[in-house]
Amino acid sequence: MIYKTKNGKLRIQYETWGDLKSPQVTLFFHGFPGSHMQALFLEKYFSQRGFGLIAADRPGYGGTDLCTPKDYK
């Protein structure tokens, strides 16, 4: 999935798995180099235990744009 900032200047790619309405949602940050796809090995583990999992690509990796701090505004 792709999220675009309100000003449309920044794309952030992310994927979700499991129950996102659960009070137990985990945010996954990939290592270097990598992408949100590194969370695939955790998807089944978290989903089976009722957790939600959100994995986003860090700036400049995968489908997320490399940007300057002003692009986040």
Protein backbone atom coordinates (compact mmCIF):
# COMPACT_ATOMS: atom_id res chain seq x y z
CA MET A 1 0.00 0.00 0.00
CA ILE A 2 1.12 3.57 -0.61
CA TYR A 3 0.36 6.51 1.68
CA LYS A 4 0.80 10.01 0.28
CA THR A 5 1.31 13.02 2.54
CA LYS A 6 -1.28 15.79 2.46
CA ASN A 7 0.90 17.93 0.20
CA GLY A 8 1.42 14.95 -2.13
CA LYS A 9 5.21 15.29 -2.07
CA LEU A 10 6.02 12.11 -0.19
CA ARG A 11 5.07 8.48 -0.77
CA ILE A 12 5.44 5.96 2.05
CA GLN A 13 5.05 2.29 1.20
CA TYR A 14 3.78 -0.01 3.93
CA GLU A 15 2.00 -3.31 4.48
CA THR A 16 -0.27 -4.49 7.27
CA TRP A 17 -1.09 -7.93 8.60
CA GLY A 18 -3.30 -9.34 11.32
CA ASP A 19 -5.88 -7.52 13.44
CA LEU A 20 -5.17 -3.79 13.33
CA LYS A 21 -8.07 -3.14 15.72
CA SER A 22 -6.31 -5.21 18.36
CA PRO A 23 -4.86 -3.28 21.31
CA GLN A 24 -1.62 -5.09 20.46
CA VAL A 25 -0.27 -3.65 17.22
CA THR A 26 3.45 -3.82 16.47
CA LEU A 27 5.33 -1.38 14.24
CA PHE A 28 8.20 -3.06 12.38
CA PHE A 29 11.28 -1.11 11.21
CA HIS A 30 13.50 -2.92 8.72
CA GLY A 31 17.28 -3.03 8.85
CA PHE A 32 19.87 -1.82 6.35
CA PRO A 33 19.47 -2.45 3.50
CA GLY A 34 15.94 -3.73 3.29
CA SER A 35 12.26 -3.00 3.01
CA HIS A 36 8.95 -3.74 4.65
CA MET A 37 9.19 -7.22 3.11
CA GLN A 38 11.57 -8.25 5.93
CA ALA A 39 8.48 -8.40 8.17
CA LEU A 40 7.06 -11.32 6.18
CA PHE A 41 8.78 -13.82 8.48
CA LEU A 42 6.88 -12.30 11.45
CA GLU A 43 3.44 -12.06 9.81
CA LYS A 44 2.22 -15.57 10.67
CA TYR A 45 3.58 -15.45 14.24
CA PHE A 46 1.86 -12.15 15.08
CA SER A 47 -1.39 -12.92 13.23
CA GLN A 48 -1.86 -16.25 15.00
CA ARG A 49 -1.55 -14.51 18.37
CA GLY A 50 -4.10 -11.78 17.62
CA PHE A 51 -1.58 -8.99 17.01
CA GLY A 52 -1.61 -6.46 14.22
CA LEU A 53 1.62 -5.76 12.36
CA ILE A 54 2.51 -2.63 10.39
CA ALA A 55 5.74 -2.53 8.37
CA ALA A 56 6.80 0.58 6.47
CA ASP A 57 9.73 1.21 4.17
CA ARG A 58 12.19 3.71 5.63
CA PRO A 59 13.00 6.86 3.60
CA GLY A 60 14.87 5.99 0.42
CA TYR A 61 14.15 2.24 0.60
CA GLY A 62 11.56 0.07 -1.13
CA GLY A 63 8.67 2.24 -2.27
CA THR A 64 9.24 5.14 0.13
CA ASP A 65 10.67 8.34 -1.29
CA LEU A 66 13.96 9.79 -0.09
CA CYS A 67 13.16 13.30 1.01
CA THR A 68 14.14 16.31 3.08
CA PRO A 69 12.56 17.08 6.48
CA LYS A 70 10.40 19.83 4.93
CA ASP A 71 8.69 17.18 2.74
CA TYR A 72 7.08 15.70 5.87
CA LYS A 73 5.13 18.90 6.62
